[in-house]
């Protein structure tokens, strides 16, 4: 029992412990040792035998937490509970999650940012958005960028992705070992196949060299897309795609060992499927990107 001294333990837990030790130790000595009054002991022991009124809620919270790949905090878990018909308040969910030890920690570390800026080697497009990320209709404003992922000793993989500002949905991706023009070109080809017919979105990027190329500008023009660019060195100008890459790394890639481009592609594909179809967003009223898109377009 010496190891328990100095530790903070609730009276119900102490009462249960004392009750289990009574066959071996003197009852009065146990009460004295744990500094617990006889009346408090019996009251706490009685409480411990009452059924847990939050038992069902705890199981539901655990299931949601595990299904979220241990990435949901109490706010999003609360939103799902509300969607399921539960009426508990946000603070109750937060308190219970703390009590059962479910704490989301995947957002506590910084992630490294890849930069493809190599100076002004082509044409710089105007910053049309100017950090006004208020589009609510899908397929109107898109954001694109490239990020790098370590795939072994001294090797990197590169992900070129494009997302919808309104829904947050990932619309197209290309992955390669080389951050060249083909990486971006392949992504644009996939985008043109995934967009609805006659879609003419604005595509916003940073000033990476890929987006300054004449071939990139021509490809946008041939599809009827409008181009917009962030200011030099200002990642906040392209915050939606930066946010997606941060989530991708914190919720998935940084938690596993990626040792090849094939592994990266397979892992990324599974994550994006989950991200688009299952992961809810607090700023989209608890909807997934696909649900938001379908609801907005009344599909």
C-alpha atoms as a PDB file:
ATOM      1  CA  UNK A   1       0.000   0.000   0.000  1.00  0.00           C
ATOM      2  CA  UNK A   2       2.976   2.309   0.387  1.00  0.00           C
ATOM      3  CA  UNK A   3       2.950   3.061  -3.381  1.00  0.00           C
ATOM      4  CA  UNK A   4      -0.520   4.659  -3.034  1.00  0.00           C
ATOM      5  CA  UNK A   5       0.595   7.316  -0.581  1.00  0.00           C
ATOM      6  CA  UNK A   6       0.574  10.829  -2.003  1.00  0.00           C
ATOM      7  CA  UNK A   7      -1.614   9.875  -4.953  1.00  0.00           C
ATOM      8  CA  UNK A   8      -4.961  11.591  -5.480  1.00  0.00           C
ATOM      9  CA  UNK A   9      -7.698   8.953  -5.523  1.00  0.00           C
ATOM     10  CA  UNK A  10     -11.448   9.539  -5.427  1.00  0.00           C
ATOM     11  CA  UNK A  11     -13.364   8.466  -2.326  1.00  0.00           C
ATOM     12  CA  UNK A  12     -15.325   5.842  -4.295  1.00  0.00           C
ATOM     13  CA  UNK A  13     -12.103   4.278  -5.537  1.00  0.00           C
ATOM     14  CA  UNK A  14     -10.632   4.347  -2.006  1.00  0.00           C
ATOM     15  CA  UNK A  15     -13.788   2.765  -0.604  1.00  0.00           C
ATOM     16  CA  UNK A  16     -13.646  -0.046  -3.162  1.00  0.00           C
ATOM     17  CA  UNK A  17      -9.966  -0.601  -2.377  1.00  0.00           C
ATOM     18  CA  UNK A  18     -10.575  -0.654   1.383  1.00  0.00           C
ATOM     19  CA  UNK A  19     -13.435  -3.098   0.895  1.00  0.00           C
ATOM     20  CA  UNK A  20     -11.131  -5.450  -1.016  1.00  0.00           C
ATOM     21  CA  UNK A  21      -8.441  -5.197   1.715  1.00  0.00           C
ATOM     22  CA  UNK A  22     -10.711  -5.747   4.726  1.00  0.00           C
ATOM     23  CA  UNK A  23     -10.187  -9.547   4.810  1.00  0.00           C
ATOM     24  CA  UNK A  24      -6.429  -8.986   5.262  1.00  0.00           C
ATOM     25  CA  UNK A  25      -6.186  -5.753   7.298  1.00  0.00           C
ATOM     26  CA  UNK A  26      -7.876  -4.144  10.283  1.00  0.00           C
ATOM     27  CA  UNK A  27     -10.792  -1.956   9.152  1.00  0.00           C
ATOM     28  CA  UNK A  28      -9.970   0.952  11.501  1.00  0.00           C
ATOM     29  CA  UNK A  29      -6.340   0.941  10.434  1.00  0.00           C
ATOM     30  CA  UNK A  30      -7.370   1.038   6.774  1.00  0.00           C
ATOM     31  CA  UNK A  31      -9.616   4.048   7.369  1.00  0.00           C
ATOM     32  CA  UNK A  32      -6.832   5.785   9.260  1.00  0.00           C
ATOM     33  CA  UNK A  33      -4.239   4.941   6.611  1.00  0.00           C
ATOM     34  CA  UNK A  34      -6.354   6.371   3.792  1.00  0.00           C
ATOM     35  CA  UNK A  35      -7.627   9.244   5.972  1.00  0.00           C
ATOM     36  CA  UNK A  36     -11.241   8.316   5.273  1.00  0.00           C
ATOM     37  CA  UNK A  37     -14.122   8.623   7.744  1.00  0.00           C
ATOM     38  CA  UNK A  38     -16.339   5.606   8.394  1.00  0.00           C
ATOM     39  CA  UNK A  39     -19.454   7.514   7.233  1.00  0.00           C
ATOM     40  CA  UNK A  40     -17.715   8.610   4.042  1.00  0.00           C
ATOM     41  CA  UNK A  41     -16.554   5.059   3.406  1.00  0.00           C
ATOM     42  CA  UNK A  42     -20.071   3.588   3.536  1.00  0.00           C
ATOM     43  CA  UNK A  43     -21.549   6.433   1.450  1.00  0.00           C
ATOM     44  CA  UNK A  44     -18.839   6.072  -1.205  1.00  0.00           C
ATOM     45  CA  UNK A  45     -19.184   2.297  -1.274  1.00  0.00           C
ATOM     46  CA  UNK A  46     -22.932   2.681  -1.784  1.00  0.00           C
ATOM     47  CA  UNK A  47     -22.356   5.096  -4.670  1.00  0.00           C
ATOM     48  CA  UNK A  48     -19.917   2.700  -6.300  1.00  0.00           C
ATOM     49  CA  UNK A  49     -22.609   0.021  -6.495  1.00  0.00           C
ATOM     50  CA  UNK A  50     -25.059   2.254  -8.358  1.00  0.00           C
ATOM     51  CA  UNK A  51     -25.314   1.609 -12.119  1.00  0.00           C
ATOM     52  CA  UNK A  52     -23.345   4.066 -14.272  1.00  0.00           C
ATOM     53  CA  UNK A  53     -25.929   6.313 -15.942  1.00  0.00           C
ATOM     54  CA  UNK A  54     -23.349   7.272 -18.559  1.00  0.00           C
ATOM     55  CA  UNK A  55     -22.376   3.703 -19.432  1.00  0.00           C
ATOM     56  CA  UNK A  56     -24.123   3.697 -22.832  1.00  0.00           C
ATOM     57  CA  UNK A  57     -22.786   7.161 -23.621  1.00  0.00           C
ATOM     58  CA  UNK A  58     -19.236   6.106 -22.766  1.00  0.00           C
ATOM     59  CA  UNK A  59     -19.451   3.126 -25.118  1.00  0.00           C
ATOM     60  CA  UNK A  60     -20.834   5.346 -27.887  1.00  0.00           C
ATOM     61  CA  UNK A  61     -18.049   7.879 -27.374  1.00  0.00           C
ATOM     62  CA  UNK A  62     -15.401   5.147 -27.489  1.00  0.00           C
ATOM     63  CA  UNK A  63     -16.841   3.754 -30.728  1.00  0.00           C
ATOM     64  CA  UNK A  64     -16.931   7.191 -32.386  1.00  0.00           C
ATOM     65  CA  UNK A  65     -13.396   7.957 -31.217  1.00  0.00           C
ATOM     66  CA  UNK A  66     -12.006   4.693 -32.604  1.00  0.00           C
ATOM     67  CA  UNK A  67     -13.936   5.043 -35.863  1.00  0.00           C
ATOM     68  CA  UNK A  68     -12.421   8.504 -36.292  1.00  0.00           C
ATOM     69  CA  UNK A  69      -8.972   6.894 -36.186  1.00  0.00           C
ATOM     70  CA  UNK A  70      -8.508   8.565 -32.794  1.00  0.00           C
ATOM     71  CA  UNK A  71      -8.564  12.017 -34.435  1.00  0.00           C
ATOM     72  CA  UNK A  72     -11.850  13.460 -33.096  1.00  0.00           C
ATOM     73  CA  UNK A  73     -11.873  15.765 -30.111  1.00  0.00           C
ATOM     74  CA  UNK A  74     -14.889  16.305 -27.877  1.00  0.00           C
ATOM     75  CA  UNK A  75     -16.516  18.922 -30.145  1.00  0.00           C
ATOM     76  CA  UNK A  76     -16.812  16.665 -33.193  1.00  0.00           C
ATOM     77  CA  UNK A  77     -17.769  13.656 -31.086  1.00  0.00           C
ATOM     78  CA  UNK A  78     -20.484  15.781 -29.485  1.00  0.00           C
ATOM     79  CA  UNK A  79     -21.731  16.781 -32.963  1.00  0.00           C
ATOM     80  CA  UNK A  80     -22.018  13.128 -34.016  1.00  0.00           C
ATOM     81  CA  UNK A  81     -23.849  12.299 -30.782  1.00  0.00           C
ATOM     82  CA  UNK A  82     -26.330  15.101 -31.518  1.00  0.00           C
ATOM     83  CA  UNK A  83     -26.802  13.703 -35.035  1.00  0.00           C
ATOM     84  CA  UNK A  84     -27.524  10.307 -33.467  1.00  0.00           C
ATOM     85  CA  UNK A  85     -30.238  11.780 -31.240  1.00  0.00           C
ATOM     86  CA  UNK A  86     -28.356  12.186 -27.935  1.00  0.00           C
ATOM     87  CA  UNK A  87     -29.115  15.346 -25.960  1.00  0.00           C
ATOM     88  CA  UNK A  88     -26.058  15.656 -23.719  1.00  0.00           C
ATOM     89  CA  UNK A  89     -24.347  19.053 -23.613  1.00  0.00           C
ATOM     90  CA  UNK A  90     -20.856  19.695 -24.958  1.00  0.00           C
ATOM     91  CA  UNK A  91     -19.316  20.007 -21.486  1.00  0.00           C
ATOM     92  CA  UNK A  92     -20.673  16.595 -20.434  1.00  0.00           C
ATOM     93  CA  UNK A  93     -19.003  14.938 -23.427  1.00  0.00           C
ATOM     94  CA  UNK A  94     -15.722  16.745 -22.715  1.00  0.00           C
ATOM     95  CA  UNK A  95     -15.802  15.700 -19.051  1.00  0.00           C
ATOM     96  CA  UNK A  96     -16.554  12.057 -19.825  1.00  0.00           C
ATOM     97  CA  UNK A  97     -13.821  11.878 -22.462  1.00  0.00           C
ATOM     98  CA  UNK A  98     -11.311  13.153 -19.939  1.00  0.00           C
ATOM     99  CA  UNK A  99     -12.554  10.708 -17.332  1.00  0.00           C
ATOM    100  CA  UNK A 100     -12.111   7.682 -19.610  1.00  0.00           C
ATOM    101  CA  UNK A 101      -8.794   8.960 -20.959  1.00  0.00           C
ATOM    102  CA  UNK A 102      -9.755   9.780 -24.553  1.00  0.00           C
ATOM    103  CA  UNK A 103      -7.635  12.779 -25.505  1.00  0.00           C
ATOM    104  CA  UNK A 104      -6.838  13.681 -29.097  1.00  0.00           C
ATOM    105  CA  UNK A 105      -3.119  14.528 -29.412  1.00  0.00           C
ATOM    106  CA  UNK A 106      -2.516  14.365 -33.178  1.00  0.00           C
ATOM    107  CA  UNK A 107      -2.656  18.173 -33.570  1.00  0.00           C
ATOM    108  CA  UNK A 108       0.003  19.046 -30.985  1.00  0.00           C
ATOM    109  CA  UNK A 109       3.091  18.910 -33.224  1.00  0.00           C
ATOM    110  CA  UNK A 110       4.296  21.160 -36.011  1.00  0.00           C
ATOM    111  CA  UNK A 111       4.484  19.830 -39.554  1.00  0.00           C
ATOM    112  CA  UNK A 112       7.127  20.675 -42.095  1.00  0.00           C
ATOM    113  CA  UNK A 113       6.070  22.708 -45.136  1.00  0.00           C
ATOM    114  CA  UNK A 114       7.404  22.122 -48.640  1.00  0.00           C
ATOM    115  CA  UNK A 115       8.049  25.176 -50.831  1.00  0.00           C
ATOM    116  CA  UNK A 116       8.243  25.011 -54.629  1.00  0.00           C
ATOM    117  CA  UNK A 117       8.999  28.726 -54.988  1.00  0.00           C
ATOM    118  CA  UNK A 118      12.083  29.349 -57.147  1.00  0.00           C
ATOM    119  CA  UNK A 119      11.722  33.029 -57.825  1.00  0.00           C
ATOM    120  CA  UNK A 120       9.784  34.667 -60.610  1.00  0.00           C
ATOM    121  CA  UNK A 121      10.466  32.340 -63.539  1.00  0.00           C
ATOM    122  CA  UNK A 122       7.180  32.961 -65.300  1.00  0.00           C
ATOM    123  CA  UNK A 123       4.026  35.012 -64.927  1.00  0.00           C
ATOM    124  CA  UNK A 124       2.571  35.857 -61.512  1.00  0.00           C
ATOM    125  CA  UNK A 125      -1.218  35.855 -61.465  1.00  0.00           C
ATOM    126  CA  UNK A 126      -3.154  38.370 -59.327  1.00  0.00           C
ATOM    127  CA  UNK A 127      -4.372  37.424 -55.859  1.00  0.00           C
ATOM    128  CA  UNK A 128      -8.094  37.471 -56.558  1.00  0.00           C
ATOM    129  CA  UNK A 129      -9.198  35.877 -53.273  1.00  0.00           C
ATOM    130  CA  UNK A 130      -7.193  38.061 -50.849  1.00  0.00           C
ATOM    131  CA  UNK A 131      -7.884  35.621 -47.988  1.00  0.00           C
ATOM    132  CA  UNK A 132     -11.658  35.860 -48.449  1.00  0.00           C
ATOM    133  CA  UNK A 133     -12.504  32.179 -48.121  1.00  0.00           C
ATOM    134  CA  UNK A 134     -16.270  32.583 -48.035  1.00  0.00           C
ATOM    135  CA  UNK A 135     -17.403  30.539 -51.030  1.00  0.00           C
ATOM    136  CA  UNK A 136     -20.408  28.361 -50.184  1.00  0.00           C
ATOM    137  CA  UNK A 137     -21.191  26.841 -53.595  1.00  0.00           C
ATOM    138  CA  UNK A 138     -19.107  23.783 -54.618  1.00  0.00           C
ATOM    139  CA  UNK A 139     -16.923  23.848 -57.751  1.00  0.00           C
ATOM    140  CA  UNK A 140     -16.652  27.658 -57.789  1.00  0.00           C
ATOM    141  CA  UNK A 141     -13.295  28.150 -56.001  1.00  0.00           C
ATOM    142  CA  UNK A 142     -10.568  25.511 -55.770  1.00  0.00           C
ATOM    143  CA  UNK A 143      -7.207  25.496 -53.951  1.00  0.00           C
ATOM    144  CA  UNK A 144      -4.099  23.593 -54.997  1.00  0.00           C
ATOM    145  CA  UNK A 145      -0.594  23.042 -53.662  1.00  0.00           C
ATOM    146  CA  UNK A 146       2.187  20.452 -53.328  1.00  0.00           C
ATOM    147  CA  UNK A 147       3.507  18.859 -50.147  1.00  0.00           C
ATOM    148  CA  UNK A 148       6.371  16.462 -49.548  1.00  0.00           C
ATOM    149  CA  UNK A 149       6.419  13.287 -47.464  1.00  0.00           C
ATOM    150  CA  UNK A 150       9.443  11.318 -46.324  1.00  0.00           C
ATOM    151  CA  UNK A 151       9.308   7.779 -47.762  1.00  0.00           C
ATOM    152  CA  UNK A 152      12.523   6.292 -46.475  1.00  0.00           C
ATOM    153  CA  UNK A 153      16.085   7.292 -45.821  1.00  0.00           C
ATOM    154  CA  UNK A 154      16.943  10.385 -47.865  1.00  0.00           C
ATOM    155  CA  UNK A 155      13.885   9.907 -50.112  1.00  0.00           C
ATOM    156  CA  UNK A 156      10.766  11.995 -50.554  1.00  0.00           C
ATOM    157  CA  UNK A 157       7.361  11.603 -52.125  1.00  0.00           C
ATOM    158  CA  UNK A 158       5.347  14.550 -53.453  1.00  0.00           C
ATOM    159  CA  UNK A 159       1.598  15.046 -53.362  1.00  0.00           C
ATOM    160  CA  UNK A 160      -0.129  17.521 -55.660  1.00  0.00           C
ATOM    161  CA  UNK A 161      -3.746  17.943 -54.573  1.00  0.00           C
ATOM    162  CA  UNK A 162      -6.678  20.228 -55.297  1.00  0.00           C
ATOM    163  CA  UNK A 163      -9.641  20.788 -52.989  1.00  0.00           C
ATOM    164  CA  UNK A 164     -12.957  22.588 -53.151  1.00  0.00           C
ATOM    165  CA  UNK A 165     -13.133  25.660 -50.931  1.00  0.00           C
ATOM    166  CA  UNK A 166     -16.841  25.384 -50.177  1.00  0.00           C
ATOM    167  CA  UNK A 167     -17.050  21.706 -49.237  1.00  0.00           C
ATOM    168  CA  UNK A 168     -13.416  20.910 -48.441  1.00  0.00           C
ATOM    169  CA  UNK A 169     -13.669  17.870 -50.731  1.00  0.00           C
ATOM    170  CA  UNK A 170     -10.459  16.558 -52.312  1.00  0.00           C
ATOM    171  CA  UNK A 171     -11.204  16.604 -56.044  1.00  0.00           C
ATOM    172  CA  UNK A 172      -7.973  15.352 -57.604  1.00  0.00           C
ATOM    173  CA  UNK A 173      -4.480  14.208 -56.630  1.00  0.00           C
ATOM    174  CA  UNK A 174      -1.227  13.162 -58.235  1.00  0.00           C
ATOM    175  CA  UNK A 175       1.660  11.507 -56.348  1.00  0.00           C
ATOM    176  CA  UNK A 176       5.240  11.053 -57.523  1.00  0.00           C
ATOM    177  CA  UNK A 177       8.862  10.851 -56.401  1.00  0.00           C
ATOM    178  CA  UNK A 178       9.589  14.001 -58.401  1.00  0.00           C
ATOM    179  CA  UNK A 179       8.061  17.475 -57.889  1.00  0.00           C
ATOM    180  CA  UNK A 180       8.078  18.248 -61.607  1.00  0.00           C
ATOM    181  CA  UNK A 181       5.576  19.689 -64.085  1.00  0.00           C
ATOM    182  CA  UNK A 182       4.136  16.257 -64.857  1.00  0.00           C
ATOM    183  CA  UNK A 183       3.018  15.935 -61.227  1.00  0.00           C
ATOM    184  CA  UNK A 184       0.810  19.023 -61.570  1.00  0.00           C
ATOM    185  CA  UNK A 185      -0.239  18.238 -65.139  1.00  0.00           C
ATOM    186  CA  UNK A 186      -1.519  14.781 -64.156  1.00  0.00           C
ATOM    187  CA  UNK A 187      -3.506  16.309 -61.310  1.00  0.00           C
ATOM    188  CA  UNK A 188      -5.174  18.790 -63.673  1.00  0.00           C
ATOM    189  CA  UNK A 189      -6.070  15.973 -66.069  1.00  0.00           C
ATOM    190  CA  UNK A 190      -7.774  14.097 -63.221  1.00  0.00           C
ATOM    191  CA  UNK A 191      -9.532  17.285 -62.135  1.00  0.00           C
ATOM    192  CA  UNK A 192     -11.046  17.840 -65.582  1.00  0.00           C
ATOM    193  CA  UNK A 193     -12.479  14.309 -65.452  1.00  0.00           C
ATOM    194  CA  UNK A 194     -13.915  14.764 -61.950  1.00  0.00           C
ATOM    195  CA  UNK A 195     -15.532  18.177 -62.376  1.00  0.00           C
ATOM    196  CA  UNK A 196     -19.114  18.456 -63.602  1.00  0.00           C
ATOM    197  CA  UNK A 197     -19.534  19.456 -67.225  1.00  0.00           C
ATOM    198  CA  UNK A 198     -19.267  23.200 -67.915  1.00  0.00           C
ATOM    199  CA  UNK A 199     -17.572  23.893 -64.550  1.00  0.00           C
ATOM    200  CA  UNK A 200     -15.337  26.957 -64.804  1.00  0.00           C
ATOM    201  CA  UNK A 201     -13.791  27.374 -61.341  1.00  0.00           C
ATOM    202  CA  UNK A 202     -11.188  29.779 -60.073  1.00  0.00           C
ATOM    203  CA  UNK A 203      -8.046  27.852 -59.109  1.00  0.00           C
ATOM    204  CA  UNK A 204      -5.894  29.443 -56.417  1.00  0.00           C
ATOM    205  CA  UNK A 205      -2.273  28.442 -55.741  1.00  0.00           C
ATOM    206  CA  UNK A 206       0.914  29.844 -54.258  1.00  0.00           C
ATOM    207  CA  UNK A 207       3.740  31.191 -56.419  1.00  0.00           C
ATOM    208  CA  UNK A 208       5.425  27.807 -56.857  1.00  0.00           C
ATOM    209  CA  UNK A 209       7.305  27.485 -60.138  1.00  0.00           C
ATOM    210  CA  UNK A 210       4.775  24.957 -61.521  1.00  0.00           C
ATOM    211  CA  UNK A 211       2.001  27.535 -61.394  1.00  0.00           C
ATOM    212  CA  UNK A 212       4.081  30.213 -63.130  1.00  0.00           C
ATOM    213  CA  UNK A 213       4.794  28.021 -66.161  1.00  0.00           C
ATOM    214  CA  UNK A 214       3.264  28.886 -69.509  1.00  0.00           C
ATOM    215  CA  UNK A 215       2.124  25.285 -69.896  1.00  0.00           C
ATOM    216  CA  UNK A 216       0.176  25.518 -66.612  1.00  0.00           C
ATOM    217  CA  UNK A 217      -1.496  28.757 -67.596  1.00  0.00           C
ATOM    218  CA  UNK A 218      -2.386  27.374 -71.015  1.00  0.00           C
ATOM    219  CA  UNK A 219      -3.874  24.241 -69.490  1.00  0.00           C
ATOM    220  CA  UNK A 220      -6.078  26.336 -67.217  1.00  0.00           C
ATOM    221  CA  UNK A 221      -7.131  28.547 -70.100  1.00  0.00           C
ATOM    222  CA  UNK A 222      -7.982  25.615 -72.384  1.00  0.00           C
ATOM    223  CA  UNK A 223     -10.342  24.292 -69.712  1.00  0.00           C
ATOM    224  CA  UNK A 224     -11.850  27.686 -68.991  1.00  0.00           C
ATOM    225  CA  UNK A 225     -10.393  27.915 -65.485  1.00  0.00           C
ATOM    226  CA  UNK A 226      -9.466  31.251 -63.919  1.00  0.00           C
ATOM    227  CA  UNK A 227      -6.092  31.589 -62.148  1.00  0.00           C
ATOM    228  CA  UNK A 228      -5.316  33.247 -58.817  1.00  0.00           C
ATOM    229  CA  UNK A 229      -2.101  33.286 -56.761  1.00  0.00           C
ATOM    230  CA  UNK A 230      -1.097  33.964 -53.182  1.00  0.00           C
ATOM    231  CA  UNK A 231       1.322  36.710 -52.292  1.00  0.00           C
ATOM    232  CA  UNK A 232       4.947  35.669 -52.084  1.00  0.00           C
ATOM    233  CA  UNK A 233       5.705  33.700 -48.915  1.00  0.00           C
ATOM    234  CA  UNK A 234       2.234  34.099 -47.415  1.00  0.00           C
ATOM    235  CA  UNK A 235       0.811  30.643 -46.645  1.00  0.00           C
ATOM    236  CA  UNK A 236      -2.351  32.155 -45.128  1.00  0.00           C
ATOM    237  CA  UNK A 237      -3.387  33.239 -48.632  1.00  0.00           C
ATOM    238  CA  UNK A 238      -3.866  29.569 -49.470  1.00  0.00           C
ATOM    239  CA  UNK A 239      -5.075  28.410 -46.054  1.00  0.00           C
ATOM    240  CA  UNK A 240      -7.698  25.826 -47.150  1.00  0.00           C
ATOM    241  CA  UNK A 241      -5.210  23.514 -48.908  1.00  0.00           C
ATOM    242  CA  UNK A 242      -2.580  24.165 -46.220  1.00  0.00           C
ATOM    243  CA  UNK A 243      -5.118  23.063 -43.633  1.00  0.00           C
ATOM    244  CA  UNK A 244      -5.863  19.872 -45.576  1.00  0.00           C
ATOM    245  CA  UNK A 245      -2.179  18.932 -45.829  1.00  0.00           C
ATOM    246  CA  UNK A 246      -1.749  19.560 -42.102  1.00  0.00           C
ATOM    247  CA  UNK A 247      -4.657  17.260 -41.329  1.00  0.00           C
ATOM    248  CA  UNK A 248      -3.371  14.629 -43.749  1.00  0.00           C
ATOM    249  CA  UNK A 249      -0.012  14.502 -42.006  1.00  0.00           C
ATOM    250  CA  UNK A 250      -1.224  14.766 -38.412  1.00  0.00           C
ATOM    251  CA  UNK A 251      -4.154  12.377 -38.757  1.00  0.00           C
ATOM    252  CA  UNK A 252      -2.474   9.856 -41.040  1.00  0.00           C
ATOM    253  CA  UNK A 253       0.991  10.081 -42.574  1.00  0.00           C
ATOM    254  CA  UNK A 254       2.948  11.120 -39.461  1.00  0.00           C
ATOM    255  CA  UNK A 255       1.476   8.235 -37.485  1.00  0.00           C
ATOM    256  CA  UNK A 256       2.756   5.406 -39.691  1.00  0.00           C
ATOM    257  CA  UNK A 257       5.924   4.358 -41.479  1.00  0.00           C
ATOM    258  CA  UNK A 258       5.857   5.248 -45.192  1.00  0.00           C
ATOM    259  CA  UNK A 259       8.674   3.399 -46.961  1.00  0.00           C
ATOM    260  CA  UNK A 260       7.715   3.644 -50.647  1.00  0.00           C
ATOM    261  CA  UNK A 261       5.666   5.662 -53.127  1.00  0.00           C
ATOM    262  CA  UNK A 262       3.309   2.697 -53.512  1.00  0.00           C
ATOM    263  CA  UNK A 263       2.660   2.668 -49.755  1.00  0.00           C
ATOM    264  CA  UNK A 264       2.156   6.435 -49.848  1.00  0.00           C
ATOM    265  CA  UNK A 265      -0.372   6.163 -52.690  1.00  0.00           C
ATOM    266  CA  UNK A 266      -2.341   3.374 -51.014  1.00  0.00           C
ATOM    267  CA  UNK A 267      -2.350   5.113 -47.633  1.00  0.00           C
ATOM    268  CA  UNK A 268      -3.323   8.442 -49.150  1.00  0.00           C
ATOM    269  CA  UNK A 269      -6.152   6.901 -51.174  1.00  0.00           C
ATOM    270  CA  UNK A 270      -7.697   5.342 -48.065  1.00  0.00           C
ATOM    271  CA  UNK A 271      -7.340   8.563 -46.085  1.00  0.00           C
ATOM    272  CA  UNK A 272      -8.963  10.717 -48.796  1.00  0.00           C
ATOM    273  CA  UNK A 273     -11.867   8.281 -49.110  1.00  0.00           C
ATOM    274  CA  UNK A 274     -12.395   8.578 -45.353  1.00  0.00           C
ATOM    275  CA  UNK A 275     -11.820  12.353 -45.401  1.00  0.00           C
ATOM    276  CA  UNK A 276     -14.347  12.975 -48.183  1.00  0.00           C
ATOM    277  CA  UNK A 277     -17.033  10.517 -47.109  1.00  0.00           C
ATOM    278  CA  UNK A 278     -16.786  10.005 -43.336  1.00  0.00           C
ATOM    279  CA  UNK A 279     -14.838  12.775 -41.599  1.00  0.00           C
ATOM    280  CA  UNK A 280     -17.222  15.463 -40.374  1.00  0.00           C
ATOM    281  CA  UNK A 281     -16.330  19.148 -40.169  1.00  0.00           C
ATOM    282  CA  UNK A 282     -17.365  21.461 -37.365  1.00  0.00           C
ATOM    283  CA  UNK A 283     -17.577  24.494 -39.653  1.00  0.00           C
ATOM    284  CA  UNK A 284     -19.853  22.563 -42.041  1.00  0.00           C
ATOM    285  CA  UNK A 285     -22.448  21.823 -39.344  1.00  0.00           C
ATOM    286  CA  UNK A 286     -21.219  18.278 -38.803  1.00  0.00           C
ATOM    287  CA  UNK A 287     -21.353  17.279 -42.473  1.00  0.00           C
ATOM    288  CA  UNK A 288     -18.698  15.429 -44.458  1.00  0.00           C
ATOM    289  CA  UNK A 289     -17.355  17.142 -47.603  1.00  0.00           C
ATOM    290  CA  UNK A 290     -19.463  14.902 -49.860  1.00  0.00           C
ATOM    291  CA  UNK A 291     -22.582  15.443 -47.745  1.00  0.00           C
ATOM    292  CA  UNK A 292     -22.046  19.213 -47.881  1.00  0.00           C
ATOM    293  CA  UNK A 293     -21.581  19.135 -51.652  1.00  0.00           C
ATOM    294  CA  UNK A 294     -24.680  16.990 -52.217  1.00  0.00           C
ATOM    295  CA  UNK A 295     -26.783  19.134 -49.892  1.00  0.00           C
ATOM    296  CA  UNK A 296     -25.588  22.397 -51.486  1.00  0.00           C
ATOM    297  CA  UNK A 297     -26.246  21.167 -55.027  1.00  0.00           C
ATOM    298  CA  UNK A 298     -29.380  19.267 -53.929  1.00  0.00           C
ATOM    299  CA  UNK A 299     -28.164  16.016 -55.407  1.00  0.00           C
END
